Amino acid sequence: MSNVVHSALFCLLLIGSLVPMTVQAQDRAVRIAGVVSDGRIAPLIALIESRLPGTQLSYVRLSSAQIAAEAKRANPPFDIALFSSPDIAVSVANEGYAADNGAAVIVAEEQWRHEVFGFWSDPAVMVLRQDAFADRLPRTRIELVRALEQNSEQFSRRVGIVNIGIDDVSYLLASQDSIRTSLYWRLMRSFGVAKARIYDTTDDLLEALRAGEIDVLYNVPLSALSANGALPAGVTVAVPQDYVLAVPWTVLMPKGATNLRDARAALQVLHSVDAKPALAEAGFSYPIDFTSFDSLQGIELGPELLVFRDTIKRSKFLDIWFQMVVN
């Protein structure tokens, strides 16, 4: 056999030995899409990579709408999707675009059809500037309503809320409030009388608080407070005593994901006891003095969440909301 043939065979063998390694490396890549910042997701990625040696994780930050749209593609650009608003995750799964957990045992606090998995419940709280209230801080919605109605001039332009037509979580909280308390529209009317400031995002809302522009914040996700650092002096978190809405943060795997095997393994890690420190570092934890929510009402995963996602119903709801709030 000539040297040329030997060389050719050697090259073929070398290429053959390298290709499986390249394919294997690609197969072990898990791509994640979510709504939080790169810095906030970093502890969770580090944890999963440490528990799944050889797996390479990548992350891209997208809006919930972008994630939902991409998840419905035949070849979605990610293997795991992380949602702050569970109704969108349920919508994706309901349309048949989510993969189930297969043989993997994912011990989630809450799940729907073994396709949508909740990994943390996010309480919605009030944030109040103590000096704005002469006597006691309002601890229920009726107390907040009365404080605003009886002191409309004092609170003029001092109330801050997030635009529910823009922010998915705020819309979910508003719709859930409307079916849980008859006070909801009276509360919105009191916000309108107070000429509430409306912000595009919760981050903008908290920035206004730090700038001293507002004294009353309603339906603020606790995770947003944890992720944005300490509150200014004289500002306190008030946990509503009538009821506290808790929004499940959820994950799912698109049905067309490239690497469902390792995606399922990653979700097992995320829902394990070992994940708690990393979740806490990422802002998914309760402060020590808020470990007990006696009035907690969790928002359950299921098709009921799709009611207010109906285009006509959503449009009517937003119309009423803006009529009440934009006075």
C-alpha atoms as a PDB file:
ATOM      1  CA  MET A   1       0.000   0.000   0.000  1.00  0.00           C
ATOM      2  CA  SER A   2       1.454   3.386  -0.996  1.00  0.00           C
ATOM      3  CA  ASN A   3       2.290   6.192   1.400  1.00  0.00           C
ATOM      4  CA  VAL A   4      -0.425   8.282  -0.232  1.00  0.00           C
ATOM      5  CA  VAL A   5      -3.059   5.675   0.585  1.00  0.00           C
ATOM      6  CA  HIS A   6      -1.740   5.350   4.148  1.00  0.00           C
ATOM      7  CA  SER A   7      -1.960   9.119   4.593  1.00  0.00           C
ATOM      8  CA  ALA A   8      -5.480   9.216   3.204  1.00  0.00           C
ATOM      9  CA  LEU A   9      -6.647   6.455   5.524  1.00  0.00           C
ATOM     10  CA  PHE A  10      -5.044   8.180   8.507  1.00  0.00           C
ATOM     11  CA  CYS A  11      -6.835  11.438   7.688  1.00  0.00           C
ATOM     12  CA  LEU A  12     -10.155   9.637   7.367  1.00  0.00           C
ATOM     13  CA  LEU A  13      -9.657   7.905  10.707  1.00  0.00           C
ATOM     14  CA  LEU A  14      -8.686  11.209  12.333  1.00  0.00           C
ATOM     15  CA  ILE A  15     -11.733  12.968  10.958  1.00  0.00           C
ATOM     16  CA  GLY A  16     -13.910  10.048  12.014  1.00  0.00           C
ATOM     17  CA  SER A  17     -12.600  10.266  15.554  1.00  0.00           C
ATOM     18  CA  LEU A  18     -13.148  14.029  15.775  1.00  0.00           C
ATOM     19  CA  VAL A  19     -16.656  14.203  14.317  1.00  0.00           C
ATOM     20  CA  PRO A  20     -18.328  12.165  17.107  1.00  0.00           C
ATOM     21  CA  MET A  21     -16.624  14.383  19.687  1.00  0.00           C
ATOM     22  CA  THR A  22     -17.938  17.509  17.940  1.00  0.00           C
ATOM     23  CA  VAL A  23     -21.431  16.077  17.634  1.00  0.00           C
ATOM     24  CA  GLN A  24     -21.336  14.957  21.265  1.00  0.00           C
ATOM     25  CA  ALA A  25     -20.293  18.443  22.392  1.00  0.00           C
ATOM     26  CA  GLN A  26     -23.188  19.924  20.419  1.00  0.00           C
ATOM     27  CA  ASP A  27     -25.581  17.335  21.846  1.00  0.00           C
ATOM     28  CA  ARG A  28     -24.628  18.309  25.410  1.00  0.00           C
ATOM     29  CA  ALA A  29     -25.389  22.000  24.852  1.00  0.00           C
ATOM     30  CA  VAL A  30     -28.514  23.279  26.619  1.00  0.00           C
ATOM     31  CA  ARG A  31     -29.856  26.648  25.544  1.00  0.00           C
ATOM     32  CA  ILE A  32     -32.051  28.637  27.912  1.00  0.00           C
ATOM     33  CA  ALA A  33     -34.250  31.647  27.170  1.00  0.00           C
ATOM     34  CA  GLY A  34     -35.720  33.756  29.955  1.00  0.00           C
ATOM     35  CA  VAL A  35     -36.948  37.164  31.027  1.00  0.00           C
ATOM     36  CA  VAL A  36     -34.325  37.913  33.693  1.00  0.00           C
ATOM     37  CA  SER A  37     -30.889  39.467  33.290  1.00  0.00           C
ATOM     38  CA  ASP A  38     -27.724  37.484  32.571  1.00  0.00           C
ATOM     39  CA  GLY A  39     -26.370  38.361  36.003  1.00  0.00           C
ATOM     40  CA  ARG A  40     -29.461  37.148  37.782  1.00  0.00           C
ATOM     41  CA  ILE A  41     -29.602  33.793  35.978  1.00  0.00           C
ATOM     42  CA  ALA A  42     -25.860  33.143  36.429  1.00  0.00           C
ATOM     43  CA  PRO A  43     -26.111  31.296  39.806  1.00  0.00           C
ATOM     44  CA  LEU A  44     -28.640  28.849  38.360  1.00  0.00           C
ATOM     45  CA  ILE A  45     -26.554  28.176  35.267  1.00  0.00           C
ATOM     46  CA  ALA A  46     -23.475  27.589  37.416  1.00  0.00           C
ATOM     47  CA  LEU A  47     -25.417  25.148  39.608  1.00  0.00           C
ATOM     48  CA  ILE A  48     -26.784  23.131  36.685  1.00  0.00           C
ATOM     49  CA  GLU A  49     -23.382  22.927  34.994  1.00  0.00           C
ATOM     50  CA  SER A  50     -21.813  21.726  38.250  1.00  0.00           C
ATOM     51  CA  ARG A  51     -24.446  18.987  38.624  1.00  0.00           C
ATOM     52  CA  LEU A  52     -24.309  17.907  34.973  1.00  0.00           C
ATOM     53  CA  PRO A  53     -20.611  17.627  34.042  1.00  0.00           C
ATOM     54  CA  GLY A  54     -20.013  18.001  30.326  1.00  0.00           C
ATOM     55  CA  THR A  55     -23.191  19.989  29.757  1.00  0.00           C
ATOM     56  CA  GLN A  56     -22.685  23.486  28.388  1.00  0.00           C
ATOM     57  CA  LEU A  57     -25.413  26.017  29.112  1.00  0.00           C
ATOM     58  CA  SER A  58     -26.060  29.252  27.249  1.00  0.00           C
ATOM     59  CA  TYR A  59     -28.614  31.950  28.024  1.00  0.00           C
ATOM     60  CA  VAL A  60     -30.435  34.631  26.068  1.00  0.00           C
ATOM     61  CA  ARG A  61     -32.759  37.246  27.509  1.00  0.00           C
ATOM     62  CA  LEU A  62     -36.009  37.742  25.602  1.00  0.00           C
ATOM     63  CA  SER A  63     -39.450  39.135  26.337  1.00  0.00           C
ATOM     64  CA  SER A  64     -42.229  36.716  27.225  1.00  0.00           C
ATOM     65  CA  ALA A  65     -43.868  37.357  23.853  1.00  0.00           C
ATOM     66  CA  GLN A  66     -40.628  36.582  22.016  1.00  0.00           C
ATOM     67  CA  ILE A  67     -40.101  33.379  23.995  1.00  0.00           C
ATOM     68  CA  ALA A  68     -43.655  32.226  23.306  1.00  0.00           C
ATOM     69  CA  ALA A  69     -43.310  32.919  19.583  1.00  0.00           C
ATOM     70  CA  GLU A  70     -39.930  31.184  19.285  1.00  0.00           C
ATOM     71  CA  ALA A  71     -41.129  28.160  21.285  1.00  0.00           C
ATOM     72  CA  LYS A  72     -43.731  27.475  18.603  1.00  0.00           C
ATOM     73  CA  ARG A  73     -41.181  27.127  15.825  1.00  0.00           C
ATOM     74  CA  ALA A  74     -40.302  23.703  14.429  1.00  0.00           C
ATOM     75  CA  ASN A  75     -36.697  24.262  15.526  1.00  0.00           C
ATOM     76  CA  PRO A  76     -36.801  26.673  18.471  1.00  0.00           C
ATOM     77  CA  PRO A  77     -33.509  28.407  19.331  1.00  0.00           C
ATOM     78  CA  PHE A  78     -33.595  27.186  22.942  1.00  0.00           C
ATOM     79  CA  ASP A  79     -34.236  24.008  24.929  1.00  0.00           C
ATOM     80  CA  ILE A  80     -35.690  25.554  28.107  1.00  0.00           C
ATOM     81  CA  ALA A  81     -37.966  28.578  28.441  1.00  0.00           C
ATOM     82  CA  LEU A  82     -38.327  30.499  31.705  1.00  0.00           C
ATOM     83  CA  PHE A  83     -41.464  32.606  32.221  1.00  0.00           C
ATOM     84  CA  SER A  84     -42.359  35.116  34.944  1.00  0.00           C
ATOM     85  CA  SER A  85     -45.991  35.073  33.803  1.00  0.00           C
ATOM     86  CA  PRO A  86     -47.457  31.539  33.965  1.00  0.00           C
ATOM     87  CA  ASP A  87     -50.445  32.254  31.750  1.00  0.00           C
ATOM     88  CA  ILE A  88     -48.115  32.603  28.763  1.00  0.00           C
ATOM     89  CA  ALA A  89     -46.412  29.290  29.552  1.00  0.00           C
ATOM     90  CA  VAL A  90     -49.789  27.564  29.874  1.00  0.00           C
ATOM     91  CA  SER A  91     -50.853  29.097  26.565  1.00  0.00           C
ATOM     92  CA  VAL A  92     -47.783  27.665  24.793  1.00  0.00           C
ATOM     93  CA  ALA A  93     -48.423  24.219  26.290  1.00  0.00           C
ATOM     94  CA  ASN A  94     -52.145  24.359  25.583  1.00  0.00           C
ATOM     95  CA  GLU A  95     -51.420  24.908  21.895  1.00  0.00           C
ATOM     96  CA  GLY A  96     -49.307  21.757  21.852  1.00  0.00           C
ATOM     97  CA  TYR A  97     -45.822  23.264  21.719  1.00  0.00           C
ATOM     98  CA  ALA A  98     -44.408  21.994  25.038  1.00  0.00           C
ATOM     99  CA  ALA A  99     -42.639  18.675  25.633  1.00  0.00           C
ATOM    100  CA  ASP A 100     -43.442  16.572  28.683  1.00  0.00           C
ATOM    101  CA  ASN A 101     -40.942  15.371  31.250  1.00  0.00           C
ATOM    102  CA  GLY A 102     -40.655  11.903  29.699  1.00  0.00           C
ATOM    103  CA  ALA A 103     -39.046   9.448  32.101  1.00  0.00           C
ATOM    104  CA  ALA A 104     -37.437  12.249  34.122  1.00  0.00           C
ATOM    105  CA  VAL A 105     -38.852  12.777  37.604  1.00  0.00           C
ATOM    106  CA  ILE A 106     -39.255  16.535  38.078  1.00  0.00           C
ATOM    107  CA  VAL A 107     -40.401  17.268  41.624  1.00  0.00           C
ATOM    108  CA  ALA A 108     -42.090  20.633  41.100  1.00  0.00           C
ATOM    109  CA  GLU A 109     -44.219  22.464  43.660  1.00  0.00           C
ATOM    110  CA  GLU A 110     -46.754  22.893  40.896  1.00  0.00           C
ATOM    111  CA  GLN A 111     -47.050  21.526  37.363  1.00  0.00           C
ATOM    112  CA  TRP A 112     -49.552  21.291  34.559  1.00  0.00           C
ATOM    113  CA  ARG A 113     -49.825  18.221  32.293  1.00  0.00           C
ATOM    114  CA  HIS A 114     -46.189  17.387  33.084  1.00  0.00           C
ATOM    115  CA  GLU A 115     -45.290  20.148  30.611  1.00  0.00           C
ATOM    116  CA  VAL A 116     -45.282  23.390  32.618  1.00  0.00           C
ATOM    117  CA  PHE A 117     -43.373  23.359  35.908  1.00  0.00           C
ATOM    118  CA  GLY A 118     -43.468  25.964  38.662  1.00  0.00           C
ATOM    119  CA  PHE A 119     -40.212  26.459  40.542  1.00  0.00           C
ATOM    120  CA  TRP A 120     -41.064  29.430  42.785  1.00  0.00           C
ATOM    121  CA  SER A 121     -44.142  31.399  43.853  1.00  0.00           C
ATOM    122  CA  ASP A 122     -43.714  35.169  43.758  1.00  0.00           C
ATOM    123  CA  PRO A 123     -45.893  37.102  46.254  1.00  0.00           C
ATOM    124  CA  ALA A 124     -47.244  40.493  45.179  1.00  0.00           C
ATOM    125  CA  VAL A 125     -46.859  43.080  47.947  1.00  0.00           C
ATOM    126  CA  MET A 126     -47.374  46.766  48.655  1.00  0.00           C
ATOM    127  CA  VAL A 127     -44.419  49.089  49.165  1.00  0.00           C
ATOM    128  CA  LEU A 128     -45.122  52.148  51.306  1.00  0.00           C
ATOM    129  CA  ARG A 129     -43.249  55.226  52.467  1.00  0.00           C
ATOM    130  CA  GLN A 130     -43.920  55.377  56.193  1.00  0.00           C
ATOM    131  CA  ASP A 131     -43.927  59.191  56.491  1.00  0.00           C
ATOM    132  CA  ALA A 132     -46.831  59.371  54.049  1.00  0.00           C
ATOM    133  CA  PHE A 133     -49.179  57.812  56.595  1.00  0.00           C
ATOM    134  CA  ALA A 134     -49.924  59.727  59.769  1.00  0.00           C
ATOM    135  CA  ASP A 135     -51.300  56.886  61.856  1.00  0.00           C
ATOM    136  CA  ARG A 136     -50.814  53.276  60.807  1.00  0.00           C
ATOM    137  CA  LEU A 137     -49.797  51.794  57.496  1.00  0.00           C
ATOM    138  CA  PRO A 138     -52.602  50.191  55.473  1.00  0.00           C
ATOM    139  CA  ARG A 139     -52.449  46.413  55.717  1.00  0.00           C
ATOM    140  CA  THR A 140     -55.465  45.519  53.611  1.00  0.00           C
ATOM    141  CA  ARG A 141     -56.892  46.759  50.338  1.00  0.00           C
ATOM    142  CA  ILE A 142     -59.847  48.450  52.020  1.00  0.00           C
ATOM    143  CA  GLU A 143     -57.470  50.317  54.327  1.00  0.00           C
ATOM    144  CA  LEU A 144     -55.431  51.449  51.317  1.00  0.00           C
ATOM    145  CA  VAL A 145     -58.577  52.553  49.479  1.00  0.00           C
ATOM    146  CA  ARG A 146     -59.782  54.589  52.457  1.00  0.00           C
ATOM    147  CA  ALA A 147     -56.372  56.208  52.955  1.00  0.00           C
ATOM    148  CA  LEU A 148     -56.306  57.320  49.323  1.00  0.00           C
ATOM    149  CA  GLU A 149     -59.949  58.444  49.253  1.00  0.00           C
ATOM    150  CA  GLN A 150     -59.649  60.450  52.463  1.00  0.00           C
ATOM    151  CA  ASN A 151     -56.327  62.060  51.532  1.00  0.00           C
ATOM    152  CA  SER A 152     -56.617  62.530  47.785  1.00  0.00           C
ATOM    153  CA  GLU A 153     -54.665  65.802  47.693  1.00  0.00           C
ATOM    154  CA  GLN A 154     -51.811  64.433  49.803  1.00  0.00           C
ATOM    155  CA  PHE A 155     -51.408  61.391  47.563  1.00  0.00           C
ATOM    156  CA  SER A 156     -51.848  63.253  44.277  1.00  0.00           C
ATOM    157  CA  ARG A 157     -49.107  61.992  41.904  1.00  0.00           C
ATOM    158  CA  ARG A 158     -47.610  59.981  44.795  1.00  0.00           C
ATOM    159  CA  VAL A 159     -49.001  56.563  43.804  1.00  0.00           C
ATOM    160  CA  GLY A 160     -47.079  54.373  41.366  1.00  0.00           C
ATOM    161  CA  ILE A 161     -48.315  51.392  39.365  1.00  0.00           C
ATOM    162  CA  VAL A 162     -47.092  49.425  36.353  1.00  0.00           C
ATOM    163  CA  ASN A 163     -48.867  49.638  33.007  1.00  0.00           C
ATOM    164  CA  ILE A 164     -50.829  46.390  32.727  1.00  0.00           C
ATOM    165  CA  GLY A 165     -51.101  46.840  28.979  1.00  0.00           C
ATOM    166  CA  ILE A 166     -47.319  46.446  28.701  1.00  0.00           C
ATOM    167  CA  ASP A 167     -46.212  44.265  31.611  1.00  0.00           C
ATOM    168  CA  ASP A 168     -47.431  40.651  31.502  1.00  0.00           C
ATOM    169  CA  VAL A 169     -47.153  39.956  35.238  1.00  0.00           C
ATOM    170  CA  SER A 170     -48.966  43.173  36.148  1.00  0.00           C
ATOM    171  CA  TYR A 171     -51.785  42.245  33.772  1.00  0.00           C
ATOM    172  CA  LEU A 172     -52.062  38.785  35.320  1.00  0.00           C
ATOM    173  CA  LEU A 173     -52.156  40.263  38.836  1.00  0.00           C
ATOM    174  CA  ALA A 174     -54.796  42.802  37.823  1.00  0.00           C
ATOM    175  CA  SER A 175     -57.022  40.165  36.233  1.00  0.00           C
ATOM    176  CA  GLN A 176     -56.664  37.881  39.253  1.00  0.00           C
ATOM    177  CA  ASP A 177     -57.426  40.765  41.627  1.00  0.00           C
ATOM    178  CA  SER A 178     -60.588  41.553  39.692  1.00  0.00           C
ATOM    179  CA  ILE A 179     -62.036  38.076  40.300  1.00  0.00           C
ATOM    180  CA  ARG A 180     -60.934  37.790  43.932  1.00  0.00           C
ATOM    181  CA  THR A 181     -62.159  41.034  45.446  1.00  0.00           C
ATOM    182  CA  SER A 182     -65.116  43.313  44.809  1.00  0.00           C
ATOM    183  CA  LEU A 183     -62.879  46.172  45.943  1.00  0.00           C
ATOM    184  CA  TYR A 184     -60.615  45.996  42.927  1.00  0.00           C
ATOM    185  CA  TRP A 185     -62.301  48.582  40.719  1.00  0.00           C
ATOM    186  CA  ARG A 186     -62.849  50.893  43.671  1.00  0.00           C
ATOM    187  CA  LEU A 187     -59.113  50.655  44.337  1.00  0.00           C
ATOM    188  CA  MET A 188     -58.351  51.452  40.692  1.00  0.00           C
ATOM    189  CA  ARG A 189     -60.719  54.418  40.863  1.00  0.00           C
ATOM    190  CA  SER A 190     -58.853  55.706  43.924  1.00  0.00           C
ATOM    191  CA  PHE A 191     -55.604  55.410  41.948  1.00  0.00           C
ATOM    192  CA  GLY A 192     -57.217  57.472  39.209  1.00  0.00           C
ATOM    193  CA  VAL A 193     -58.364  60.151  41.644  1.00  0.00           C
ATOM    194  CA  ALA A 194     -54.809  60.253  43.021  1.00  0.00           C
ATOM    195  CA  LYS A 195     -53.507  60.722  39.451  1.00  0.00           C
ATOM    196  CA  ALA A 196     -51.283  57.678  39.824  1.00  0.00           C
ATOM    197  CA  ARG A 197     -48.028  57.623  37.890  1.00  0.00           C
ATOM    198  CA  ILE A 198     -47.925  54.728  35.429  1.00  0.00           C
ATOM    199  CA  TYR A 199     -44.606  53.072  34.599  1.00  0.00           C
ATOM    200  CA  ASP A 200     -43.667  50.649  31.842  1.00  0.00           C
ATOM    201  CA  THR A 201     -41.794  48.194  34.071  1.00  0.00           C
ATOM    202  CA  THR A 202     -41.361  47.272  37.720  1.00  0.00           C
ATOM    203  CA  ASP A 203     -37.732  48.398  37.497  1.00  0.00           C
ATOM    204  CA  ASP A 204     -38.924  51.863  36.419  1.00  0.00           C
ATOM    205  CA  LEU A 205     -41.412  51.852  39.297  1.00  0.00           C
ATOM    206  CA  LEU A 206     -38.718  51.074  41.867  1.00  0.00           C
ATOM    207  CA  GLU A 207     -36.391  53.671  40.361  1.00  0.00           C
ATOM    208  CA  ALA A 208     -39.114  56.283  40.869  1.00  0.00           C
ATOM    209  CA  LEU A 209     -39.436  55.171  44.483  1.00  0.00           C
ATOM    210  CA  ARG A 210     -35.702  55.634  45.037  1.00  0.00           C
ATOM    211  CA  ALA A 211     -35.897  59.057  43.401  1.00  0.00           C
ATOM    212  CA  GLY A 212     -38.535  60.072  45.964  1.00  0.00           C
ATOM    213  CA  GLU A 213     -41.264  60.540  43.355  1.00  0.00           C
ATOM    214  CA  ILE A 214     -43.841  58.139  44.825  1.00  0.00           C
ATOM    215  CA  ASP A 215     -44.987  56.885  48.231  1.00  0.00           C
ATOM    216  CA  VAL A 216     -47.384  54.033  47.407  1.00  0.00           C
ATOM    217  CA  LEU A 217     -46.617  51.041  45.161  1.00  0.00           C
ATOM    218  CA  TYR A 218     -49.184  48.301  44.574  1.00  0.00           C
ATOM    219  CA  ASN A 219     -48.773  44.691  43.396  1.00  0.00           C
ATOM    220  CA  VAL A 220     -44.987  44.645  43.350  1.00  0.00           C
ATOM    221  CA  PRO A 221     -43.493  41.151  42.848  1.00  0.00           C
ATOM    222  CA  LEU A 222     -41.302  40.289  45.820  1.00  0.00           C
ATOM    223  CA  SER A 223     -38.624  38.907  43.484  1.00  0.00           C
ATOM    224  CA  ALA A 224     -38.262  42.350  41.898  1.00  0.00           C
ATOM    225  CA  LEU A 225     -37.520  43.832  45.321  1.00  0.00           C
ATOM    226  CA  SER A 226     -34.941  41.128  46.028  1.00  0.00           C
ATOM    227  CA  ALA A 227     -33.260  41.677  42.665  1.00  0.00           C
ATOM    228  CA  ASN A 228     -33.103  45.470  43.006  1.00  0.00           C
ATOM    229  CA  GLY A 229     -31.281  45.678  46.339  1.00  0.00           C
ATOM    230  CA  ALA A 230     -32.182  47.365  49.610  1.00  0.00           C
ATOM    231  CA  LEU A 231     -35.118  49.736  49.840  1.00  0.00           C
ATOM    232  CA  PRO A 232     -34.550  53.401  50.750  1.00  0.00           C
ATOM    233  CA  ALA A 233     -34.708  54.416  54.406  1.00  0.00           C
ATOM    234  CA  GLY A 234     -38.247  54.944  55.649  1.00  0.00           C
ATOM    235  CA  VAL A 235     -39.758  52.601  53.065  1.00  0.00           C
ATOM    236  CA  THR A 236     -41.359  49.323  54.096  1.00  0.00           C
ATOM    237  CA  VAL A 237     -42.905  46.270  52.472  1.00  0.00           C
ATOM    238  CA  ALA A 238     -46.523  45.729  53.504  1.00  0.00           C
ATOM    239  CA  VAL A 239     -47.867  42.214  53.038  1.00  0.00           C
ATOM    240  CA  PRO A 240     -51.652  42.486  52.477  1.00  0.00           C
ATOM    241  CA  GLN A 241     -53.539  40.778  55.279  1.00  0.00           C
ATOM    242  CA  ASP A 242     -56.716  40.193  53.261  1.00  0.00           C
ATOM    243  CA  TYR A 243     -54.917  38.093  50.638  1.00  0.00           C
ATOM    244  CA  VAL A 244     -51.566  37.884  48.889  1.00  0.00           C
ATOM    245  CA  LEU A 245     -51.434  36.801  45.265  1.00  0.00           C
ATOM    246  CA  ALA A 246     -48.517  34.484  44.486  1.00  0.00           C
ATOM    247  CA  VAL A 247     -47.420  34.187  40.857  1.00  0.00           C
ATOM    248  CA  PRO A 248     -45.666  30.940  39.862  1.00  0.00           C
ATOM    249  CA  TRP A 249     -42.436  31.328  37.914  1.00  0.00           C
ATOM    250  CA  THR A 250     -42.487  28.523  35.387  1.00  0.00           C
ATOM    251  CA  VAL A 251     -40.298  26.629  32.949  1.00  0.00           C
ATOM    252  CA  LEU A 252     -41.100  24.455  29.963  1.00  0.00           C
ATOM    253  CA  MET A 253     -39.294  22.672  27.155  1.00  0.00           C
ATOM    254  CA  PRO A 254     -40.399  23.423  23.583  1.00  0.00           C
ATOM    255  CA  LYS A 255     -41.515  20.291  21.762  1.00  0.00           C
ATOM    256  CA  GLY A 256     -39.024  20.931  18.959  1.00  0.00           C
ATOM    257  CA  ALA A 257     -36.044  21.486  21.286  1.00  0.00           C
ATOM    258  CA  THR A 258     -32.746  20.018  20.093  1.00  0.00           C
ATOM    259  CA  ASN A 259     -31.609  18.546  23.408  1.00  0.00           C
ATOM    260  CA  LEU A 260     -34.602  17.417  25.435  1.00  0.00           C
ATOM    261  CA  ARG A 261     -32.579  14.773  27.287  1.00  0.00           C
ATOM    262  CA  ASP A 262     -30.254  17.244  28.985  1.00  0.00           C
ATOM    263  CA  ALA A 263     -33.002  19.848  29.264  1.00  0.00           C
ATOM    264  CA  ARG A 264     -35.000  17.396  31.372  1.00  0.00           C
ATOM    265  CA  ALA A 265     -31.927  16.704  33.507  1.00  0.00           C
ATOM    266  CA  ALA A 266     -31.412  20.451  33.965  1.00  0.00           C
ATOM    267  CA  LEU A 267     -34.996  20.893  35.166  1.00  0.00           C
ATOM    268  CA  GLN A 268     -34.498  18.070  37.649  1.00  0.00           C
ATOM    269  CA  VAL A 269     -31.568  20.028  39.093  1.00  0.00           C
ATOM    270  CA  LEU A 270     -33.565  23.278  39.143  1.00  0.00           C
ATOM    271  CA  HIS A 271     -36.337  21.634  41.176  1.00  0.00           C
ATOM    272  CA  SER A 272     -34.023  19.818  43.589  1.00  0.00           C
ATOM    273  CA  VAL A 273     -33.310  20.774  47.195  1.00  0.00           C
ATOM    274  CA  ASP A 274     -29.742  21.597  46.157  1.00  0.00           C
ATOM    275  CA  ALA A 275     -31.054  24.449  44.015  1.00  0.00           C
ATOM    276  CA  LYS A 276     -32.371  26.528  46.929  1.00  0.00           C
ATOM    277  CA  PRO A 277     -29.135  28.495  47.598  1.00  0.00           C
ATOM    278  CA  ALA A 278     -28.744  29.315  43.898  1.00  0.00           C
ATOM    279  CA  LEU A 279     -32.413  30.293  43.654  1.00  0.00           C
ATOM    280  CA  ALA A 280     -31.978  32.569  46.662  1.00  0.00           C
ATOM    281  CA  GLU A 281     -28.917  34.168  45.074  1.00  0.00           C
ATOM    282  CA  ALA A 282     -30.980  34.777  41.938  1.00  0.00           C
ATOM    283  CA  GLY A 283     -33.685  36.548  43.955  1.00  0.00           C
ATOM    284  CA  PHE A 284     -36.108  33.635  44.250  1.00  0.00           C
ATOM    285  CA  SER A 285     -36.415  33.471  48.034  1.00  0.00           C
ATOM    286  CA  TYR A 286     -38.393  34.934  50.903  1.00  0.00           C
ATOM    287  CA  PRO A 287     -36.719  37.311  53.367  1.00  0.00           C
ATOM    288  CA  ILE A 288     -36.452  35.869  56.861  1.00  0.00           C
ATOM    289  CA  ASP A 289     -39.192  38.125  58.209  1.00  0.00           C
ATOM    290  CA  PHE A 290     -41.565  37.200  55.380  1.00  0.00           C
ATOM    291  CA  THR A 291     -41.411  33.423  55.676  1.00  0.00           C
ATOM    292  CA  SER A 292     -45.032  33.187  56.756  1.00  0.00           C
ATOM    293  CA  PHE A 293     -47.789  34.396  54.431  1.00  0.00           C
ATOM    294  CA  ASP A 294     -50.978  33.442  56.229  1.00  0.00           C
ATOM    295  CA  SER A 295     -53.130  35.008  53.512  1.00  0.00           C
ATOM    296  CA  LEU A 296     -51.212  33.609  50.543  1.00  0.00           C
ATOM    297  CA  GLN A 297     -53.378  32.681  47.550  1.00  0.00           C
ATOM    298  CA  GLY A 298     -51.388  30.921  44.872  1.00  0.00           C
ATOM    299  CA  ILE A 299     -52.328  31.322  41.232  1.00  0.00           C
ATOM    300  CA  GLU A 300     -52.828  27.770  39.990  1.00  0.00           C
ATOM    301  CA  LEU A 301     -51.483  26.529  36.681  1.00  0.00           C
ATOM    302  CA  GLY A 302     -54.214  25.479  34.293  1.00  0.00           C
ATOM    303  CA  PRO A 303     -56.504  26.487  31.432  1.00  0.00           C
ATOM    304  CA  GLU A 304     -58.326  28.978  33.680  1.00  0.00           C
ATOM    305  CA  LEU A 305     -55.360  31.299  33.147  1.00  0.00           C
ATOM    306  CA  LEU A 306     -56.260  31.533  29.469  1.00  0.00           C
ATOM    307  CA  VAL A 307     -59.593  33.278  30.100  1.00  0.00           C
ATOM    308  CA  PHE A 308     -58.096  36.760  30.355  1.00  0.00           C
ATOM    309  CA  ARG A 309     -55.756  36.072  27.431  1.00  0.00           C
ATOM    310  CA  ASP A 310     -58.730  36.042  25.089  1.00  0.00           C
ATOM    311  CA  THR A 311     -58.235  39.023  22.769  1.00  0.00           C
ATOM    312  CA  ILE A 312     -61.710  40.501  23.212  1.00  0.00           C
ATOM    313  CA  LYS A 313     -61.793  39.995  26.979  1.00  0.00           C
ATOM    314  CA  ARG A 314     -58.291  41.460  27.348  1.00  0.00           C
ATOM    315  CA  SER A 315     -59.232  44.500  25.270  1.00  0.00           C
ATOM    316  CA  LYS A 316     -62.359  45.170  27.344  1.00  0.00           C
ATOM    317  CA  PHE A 317     -60.461  44.697  30.601  1.00  0.00           C
ATOM    318  CA  LEU A 318     -57.739  47.136  29.548  1.00  0.00           C
ATOM    319  CA  ASP A 319     -60.327  49.693  28.427  1.00  0.00           C
ATOM    320  CA  ILE A 320     -62.014  49.659  31.840  1.00  0.00           C
ATOM    321  CA  TRP A 321     -58.663  49.746  33.653  1.00  0.00           C
ATOM    322  CA  PHE A 322     -57.433  52.812  31.784  1.00  0.00           C
ATOM    323  CA  GLN A 323     -60.795  54.554  32.185  1.00  0.00           C
ATOM    324  CA  MET A 324     -60.479  54.080  35.942  1.00  0.00           C
ATOM    325  CA  VAL A 325     -56.792  54.835  36.392  1.00  0.00           C
ATOM    326  CA  VAL A 326     -56.203  57.603  33.852  1.00  0.00           C
ATOM    327  CA  ASN A 327     -58.401  60.249  35.407  1.00  0.00           C
END
